[in-house]
Amino acid sequence: MSKTAFVFPGQGSQTVGMGKDLFDSSEYARELYLKADDIMETKLSQFSFDGPTDILKLTNITQPALFVHSYILFKLIGDKIKADFAAGHSLGEYTAYAYADAFTFEEGLKLVKRRGDLMKDAGDRKPGTMAALIGLTDNQVNEICKTVMGGDLIDDPVEIVQPANYNCPGQIVISGDVNAVHKAMEIAKSPPYNCRLAKELEVSGAFHSELMVGLADDLRVSIEKAEINDASIPVYSNVEAEPATDKRIIEQLLYRQLFSPVKWQVLIQNMIRDDVDTFYEIGSGKVLTGLIKKINPDVKTFNVSSLADLEKI
């Protein structure tokens, strides 16, 4: 039997203007944006609608802005489409749990706010960076990271570089100490690897790497205090790429997510294994549907990111 999945975007999918059409046309959307402004103690709605880009791309603004936008969209979809499963990329996993009723809008936004604040401060605690490597296999990227960490290629032998996002075939993001990531990029661009592209990302820290363990410990305090329930539908986690519904497991997965790689490719393959043949990306941009098509071009994908998209349903 064919199944439907909702997937929710993470950092990097934000665009100035997202949600403005919803705010202007829906009393419900207006109420939630005003509530979000109160919880955030800043004009999150204004940054979403008007930017500037430099502010909207700040980790502590981007994450809650994406969460609120996607949340309003799935609430406005209502019963028109019901997903059997859900998932989200990094930050988007929080939206997926909100869709699955594992926590309320308020509880979810408070967690996302805490996560964004901690991740923004991460670079001050321990400078790090991330880079996308295009055109290499998983094994090649693993080999490059081991080469950097195991040899005399960097001044500090305790520096790390690790795979952070397995996005789709040939697209892997690495994360770690600045020198180690730069060295890995150099190796990736050189023979015998000759990757098509090695691009450093605009991030404030080495997310989804071991450098985030201390930060994750701080986040765990907030997760344990939060009111988290069993999920009403299975949510496929970034960490395990398998479905979860038990609240105790969800708490552990959200804690581990910050220092573990995002297994997006396997996650999507596992959803397809479990009979999903239709994916809706709910939120800004089309990053995830693009990745899904590269993972399996035979599935159906749709994007819901605006009032116009909602009206087509």
Protein backbone atom coordinates (compact mmCIF):
# COMPACT_ATOMS: atom_id res chain seq x y z
CA MET A 1 0.00 0.00 0.00
CA SER A 2 1.42 3.39 -0.97
CA LYS A 3 2.22 5.80 1.85
CA THR A 4 2.71 9.56 2.08
CA ALA A 5 5.47 11.37 3.99
CA PHE A 6 5.90 14.98 5.05
CA VAL A 7 9.51 16.21 5.18
CA PHE A 8 10.59 19.49 6.73
CA PRO A 9 13.59 21.63 5.71
CA GLY A 10 16.50 22.72 7.85
CA GLN A 11 18.96 25.58 7.92
CA GLY A 12 19.92 26.84 4.47
CA SER A 13 16.38 26.71 3.07
CA GLN A 14 15.32 30.08 4.49
CA THR A 15 14.34 32.93 2.16
CA VAL A 16 13.44 36.52 2.99
CA GLY A 17 9.68 36.92 2.60
CA MET A 18 8.73 33.42 3.70
CA GLY A 19 5.41 33.36 5.52
CA LYS A 20 4.37 36.92 4.61
CA ASP A 21 1.57 35.68 2.32
CA LEU A 22 0.30 33.43 5.12
CA PHE A 23 0.41 36.25 7.66
CA ASP A 24 -1.52 38.57 5.33
CA SER A 25 -4.24 36.03 4.47
CA SER A 26 -4.76 33.97 7.64
CA GLU A 27 -5.82 35.06 11.11
CA TYR A 28 -4.39 31.79 12.45
CA ALA A 29 -0.99 32.53 10.87
CA ARG A 30 -1.02 36.05 12.32
CA GLU A 31 -1.76 34.72 15.80
CA LEU A 32 1.08 32.19 15.63
CA TYR A 33 3.62 34.69 14.32
CA LEU A 34 2.71 37.13 17.12
CA LYS A 35 2.97 34.31 19.66
CA ALA A 36 6.36 33.37 18.20
CA ASP A 37 7.55 36.98 18.52
CA ASP A 38 6.63 36.85 22.22
CA ILE A 39 8.37 33.53 22.84
CA MET A 40 11.47 34.62 20.93
CA GLU A 41 11.46 38.09 22.56
CA THR A 42 12.33 39.55 19.16
CA LYS A 43 10.57 40.38 15.89
CA LEU A 44 10.97 36.95 14.32
CA SER A 45 8.08 37.71 11.95
CA GLN A 46 9.77 40.89 10.71
CA PHE A 47 13.06 39.08 10.05
CA SER A 48 11.17 36.36 8.15
CA PHE A 49 9.18 38.79 6.02
CA ASP A 50 11.64 41.66 5.47
CA GLY A 51 15.09 40.34 6.37
CA PRO A 52 17.72 41.57 6.04
CA THR A 53 19.34 38.39 4.74
CA ASP A 54 22.32 38.80 7.08
CA ILE A 55 20.01 38.63 10.09
CA LEU A 56 17.74 35.87 8.79
CA LYS A 57 20.71 33.59 8.12
CA LEU A 58 21.91 33.80 11.75
CA THR A 59 21.51 30.36 13.28
CA ASN A 60 19.46 31.60 16.24
CA ILE A 61 17.01 33.37 13.88
CA THR A 62 16.99 30.91 10.95
CA GLN A 63 16.00 27.86 12.96
CA PRO A 64 12.93 29.29 14.72
CA ALA A 65 11.88 31.12 11.54
CA LEU A 66 11.87 27.87 9.55
CA PHE A 67 10.10 26.00 12.35
CA VAL A 68 7.29 28.58 12.58
CA HIS A 69 6.83 28.79 8.79
CA SER A 70 6.63 25.02 8.32
CA TYR A 71 4.38 24.60 11.37
CA ILE A 72 1.84 27.12 10.07
CA LEU A 73 1.87 25.48 6.64
CA PHE A 74 1.08 22.00 7.93
CA LYS A 75 -1.63 23.40 10.21
CA LEU A 76 -3.23 25.20 7.25
CA ILE A 77 -3.06 21.99 5.19
CA GLY A 78 -5.10 20.36 7.96
CA ASP A 79 -6.92 17.22 6.85
CA LYS A 80 -6.50 17.90 3.14
CA ILE A 81 -3.39 15.70 3.22
CA LYS A 82 -2.51 13.38 6.09
CA ALA A 83 1.02 12.03 6.24
CA ASP A 84 1.66 8.45 7.32
CA PHE A 85 5.26 9.25 8.25
CA ALA A 86 7.36 12.36 8.83
CA ALA A 87 11.02 13.41 8.85
CA GLY A 88 13.08 16.57 8.83
CA HIS A 89 16.64 17.54 7.98
CA SER A 90 18.50 18.59 11.14
CA LEU A 91 16.35 21.46 12.52
CA GLY A 92 13.47 20.08 10.43
CA GLU A 93 13.31 17.01 12.64
CA TYR A 94 11.86 19.21 15.38
CA THR A 95 9.10 20.30 13.00
CA ALA A 96 8.45 16.65 12.15
CA TYR A 97 7.95 15.82 15.84
CA ALA A 98 5.63 18.81 16.18
CA TYR A 99 3.60 17.50 13.23
CA ALA A 100 3.45 14.13 14.98
CA ASP A 101 2.14 15.81 18.18
CA ALA A 102 5.23 14.91 20.21
CA PHE A 103 5.17 18.48 21.52
CA THR A 104 3.12 21.65 21.16
CA PHE A 105 4.00 24.70 19.08
CA GLU A 106 5.12 26.58 22.18
CA GLU A 107 7.20 23.71 23.54
CA GLY A 108 8.77 23.06 20.15
CA LEU A 109 9.65 26.70 19.56
CA LYS A 110 11.25 27.01 23.00
CA LEU A 111 13.42 23.97 22.25
CA VAL A 112 14.34 25.32 18.82
CA LYS A 113 15.16 28.72 20.34
CA ARG A 114 17.46 27.07 22.88
CA ARG A 115 19.07 24.93 20.16
CA GLY A 116 19.62 27.94 17.90
CA ASP A 117 21.11 30.05 20.72
CA LEU A 118 23.50 27.25 21.70
CA MET A 119 24.56 26.61 18.10
CA LYS A 120 25.18 30.31 17.48
CA ASP A 121 27.43 30.41 20.54
CA ALA A 122 29.19 27.19 19.54
CA GLY A 123 31.70 28.98 17.35
CA ASP A 124 32.76 31.16 20.28
CA ARG A 125 33.36 28.12 22.47
CA LYS A 126 35.14 26.01 19.88
CA PRO A 127 35.66 27.40 16.38
CA GLY A 128 34.66 24.98 13.66
CA THR A 129 33.30 24.86 10.14
CA MET A 130 31.59 22.63 7.57
CA ALA A 131 32.09 21.97 3.86
CA ALA A 132 30.14 20.24 1.12
CA LEU A 133 32.01 17.66 -0.98
CA ILE A 134 30.36 16.89 -4.33
CA GLY A 135 31.17 13.88 -6.49
CA LEU A 136 32.65 11.46 -3.96
CA THR A 137 31.39 8.21 -2.44
CA ASP A 138 30.75 7.68 1.28
CA ASN A 139 33.86 5.50 1.49
CA GLN A 140 36.04 8.13 -0.19
CA VAL A 141 34.90 10.84 2.23
CA ASN A 142 35.43 8.55 5.22
CA GLU A 143 38.91 7.74 3.90
CA ILE A 144 39.78 11.44 3.49
CA CYS A 145 38.66 12.24 7.04
CA LYS A 146 40.67 9.35 8.46
CA THR A 147 43.71 10.45 6.45
CA VAL A 148 43.54 13.97 7.90
CA MET A 149 43.00 12.82 11.47
CA GLY A 150 45.50 9.98 11.36
CA GLY A 151 48.47 11.63 9.70
CA ASP A 152 50.82 14.56 10.13
CA LEU A 153 48.74 16.79 7.86
CA ILE A 154 47.57 19.21 10.54
CA ASP A 155 49.45 20.91 13.36
CA ASP A 156 47.18 19.67 16.13
CA PRO A 157 46.71 15.88 16.05
CA VAL A 158 43.60 16.12 18.21
CA GLU A 159 41.71 18.18 15.62
CA ILE A 160 38.83 16.36 13.99
CA VAL A 161 36.95 16.27 10.71
CA GLN A 162 33.98 13.94 10.19
CA PRO A 163 31.14 13.28 7.75
CA ALA A 164 28.17 15.34 9.01
CA ASN A 165 25.43 15.01 6.37
CA TYR A 166 24.96 12.09 4.01
CA ASN A 167 22.51 14.01 1.82
CA CYS A 168 22.28 11.98 -1.39
CA PRO A 169 24.61 10.01 -3.67
CA GLY A 170 27.67 12.16 -4.31
CA GLN A 171 26.75 14.93 -1.84
CA ILE A 172 28.30 14.69 1.60
CA VAL A 173 28.99 17.47 4.11
CA ILE A 174 31.99 17.27 6.45
CA SER A 175 32.36 19.05 9.78
CA GLY A 176 35.09 19.72 12.32
CA ASP A 177 37.96 21.98 13.29
CA VAL A 178 38.72 24.69 10.74
CA ASN A 179 42.24 23.50 9.84
CA ALA A 180 41.15 19.88 9.56
CA VAL A 181 38.17 20.71 7.31
CA HIS A 182 40.36 22.90 5.08
CA LYS A 183 42.93 20.11 4.77
CA ALA A 184 40.20 17.60 3.90
CA MET A 185 38.94 19.97 1.19
CA GLU A 186 42.44 20.18 -0.30
CA ILE A 187 42.79 16.39 -0.38
CA ALA A 188 39.30 15.97 -1.85
CA LYS A 189 40.14 18.31 -4.75
CA SER A 190 43.43 16.58 -5.49
CA PRO A 191 44.23 13.19 -7.15
CA PRO A 192 43.13 10.50 -6.76
CA TYR A 193 39.80 11.91 -5.51
CA ASN A 194 39.31 14.94 -7.80
CA CYS A 195 35.92 15.85 -6.36
CA ARG A 196 33.77 18.11 -8.53
CA LEU A 197 33.32 20.72 -5.80
CA ALA A 198 34.53 21.36 -2.28
CA LYS A 199 32.71 24.34 -0.80
CA GLU A 200 32.91 25.70 2.72
CA LEU A 201 29.51 26.51 4.22
CA GLU A 202 28.48 29.67 6.06
CA VAL A 203 27.93 28.24 9.52
CA SER A 204 28.90 29.29 13.03
CA GLY A 205 30.24 25.93 14.17
CA ALA A 206 31.08 22.31 13.43
CA PHE A 207 27.54 20.99 13.65
CA HIS A 208 26.82 17.25 13.68
CA SER A 209 30.37 16.48 14.82
CA GLU A 210 32.04 15.48 18.09
CA LEU A 211 32.79 19.16 18.73
CA MET A 212 29.09 19.57 19.58
CA VAL A 213 29.05 17.10 22.50
CA GLY A 214 29.35 19.81 25.18
CA LEU A 215 26.65 21.88 23.50
CA ALA A 216 24.43 18.81 23.26
CA ASP A 217 24.82 18.25 27.00
CA ASP A 218 23.47 21.78 27.56
CA LEU A 219 20.58 21.12 25.16
CA ARG A 220 19.77 17.84 26.92
CA VAL A 221 18.86 19.78 30.07
CA SER A 222 16.20 21.67 28.08
CA ILE A 223 15.00 18.48 26.36
CA GLU A 224 14.55 16.72 29.71
CA LYS A 225 12.56 19.67 31.09
CA ALA A 226 10.33 19.89 28.02
CA GLU A 227 6.93 18.20 27.84
CA ILE A 228 7.50 15.57 25.15
CA ASN A 229 4.89 12.96 24.28
CA ASP A 230 4.83 9.79 22.21
CA ALA A 231 4.57 10.64 18.52
CA SER A 232 1.20 9.98 16.83
CA ILE A 233 2.93 8.79 13.64
CA PRO A 234 6.44 7.40 13.07
CA VAL A 235 9.17 10.02 12.62
CA TYR A 236 12.35 8.83 10.92
CA SER A 237 15.30 10.21 12.84
CA ASN A 238 18.47 11.75 11.44
CA VAL A 239 20.60 9.66 13.80
CA GLU A 240 19.24 6.17 13.15
CA ALA A 241 17.33 6.73 9.86
CA GLU A 242 14.59 4.53 11.34
CA PRO A 243 11.11 5.38 12.68
CA ALA A 244 10.59 6.42 16.29
CA THR A 245 7.44 7.11 18.32
CA ASP A 246 8.42 6.54 21.98
CA LYS A 247 9.02 9.81 23.84
CA ARG A 248 12.06 8.45 25.69
CA ILE A 249 13.65 7.47 22.39
CA ILE A 250 12.76 10.85 20.89
CA GLU A 251 14.53 12.64 23.74
CA GLN A 252 17.67 10.57 23.18
CA LEU A 253 17.58 11.10 19.41
CA LEU A 254 17.26 14.88 19.71
CA TYR A 255 20.22 14.92 22.11
CA ARG A 256 22.38 12.70 19.88
CA GLN A 257 21.42 14.56 16.71
CA LEU A 258 23.68 17.54 17.44
CA PHE A 259 26.91 15.50 17.38
CA SER A 260 25.88 12.69 14.99
CA PRO A 261 25.79 12.69 11.18
CA VAL A 262 22.48 13.28 9.41
CA LYS A 263 21.75 10.03 7.55
CA TRP A 264 19.35 11.65 5.08
CA GLN A 265 20.00 9.32 2.15
CA VAL A 266 19.41 6.15 4.17
CA LEU A 267 16.46 7.76 5.94
CA ILE A 268 14.70 8.39 2.60
CA GLN A 269 15.62 4.93 1.33
CA ASN A 270 14.10 3.44 4.49
CA MET A 271 10.90 5.42 4.04
CA ILE A 272 10.65 4.09 0.49
CA ARG A 273 11.35 0.60 1.85
CA ASP A 274 8.34 1.13 4.11
CA ASP A 275 6.08 1.90 1.10
CA VAL A 276 6.35 5.70 0.88
CA ASP A 277 5.98 6.75 -2.75
CA THR A 278 4.86 10.38 -2.26
CA PHE A 279 6.83 13.09 -0.45
CA TYR A 280 5.64 16.59 0.43
CA GLU A 281 8.29 19.11 1.45
CA ILE A 282 6.50 21.48 3.82
CA GLY A 283 8.36 24.76 4.19
CA SER A 284 10.70 27.16 2.48
CA GLY A 285 12.69 26.08 -0.57
CA LYS A 286 13.02 22.85 -2.52
CA VAL A 287 16.25 21.45 -1.11
CA LEU A 288 14.80 18.22 0.24
CA THR A 289 12.69 17.30 -2.79
CA GLY A 290 15.82 17.87 -4.89
CA LEU A 291 17.78 15.45 -2.70
CA ILE A 292 14.95 12.91 -2.70
CA LYS A 293 14.81 12.87 -6.51
CA LYS A 294 18.56 12.19 -6.59
CA ILE A 295 18.10 9.34 -4.13
CA ASN A 296 15.17 7.82 -6.05
CA PRO A 297 13.83 9.53 -9.19
CA ASP A 298 10.76 7.28 -9.30
CA VAL A 299 8.95 8.71 -6.26
CA LYS A 300 6.50 11.62 -6.46
CA THR A 301 7.53 14.89 -4.81
CA PHE A 302 5.59 18.07 -4.10
CA ASN A 303 6.44 21.37 -2.43
CA VAL A 304 4.18 23.38 -0.16
CA SER A 305 5.86 26.66 0.72
CA SER A 306 3.29 29.39 0.03
CA LEU A 307 -0.35 30.40 0.01
CA ALA A 308 -0.47 29.60 -3.72
CA ASP A 309 0.76 26.07 -3.01
CA LEU A 310 -1.89 25.61 -0.33
CA GLU A 311 -4.61 26.74 -2.73
CA LYS A 312 -3.58 24.07 -5.24
CA ILE A 313 -4.18 21.26 -2.73
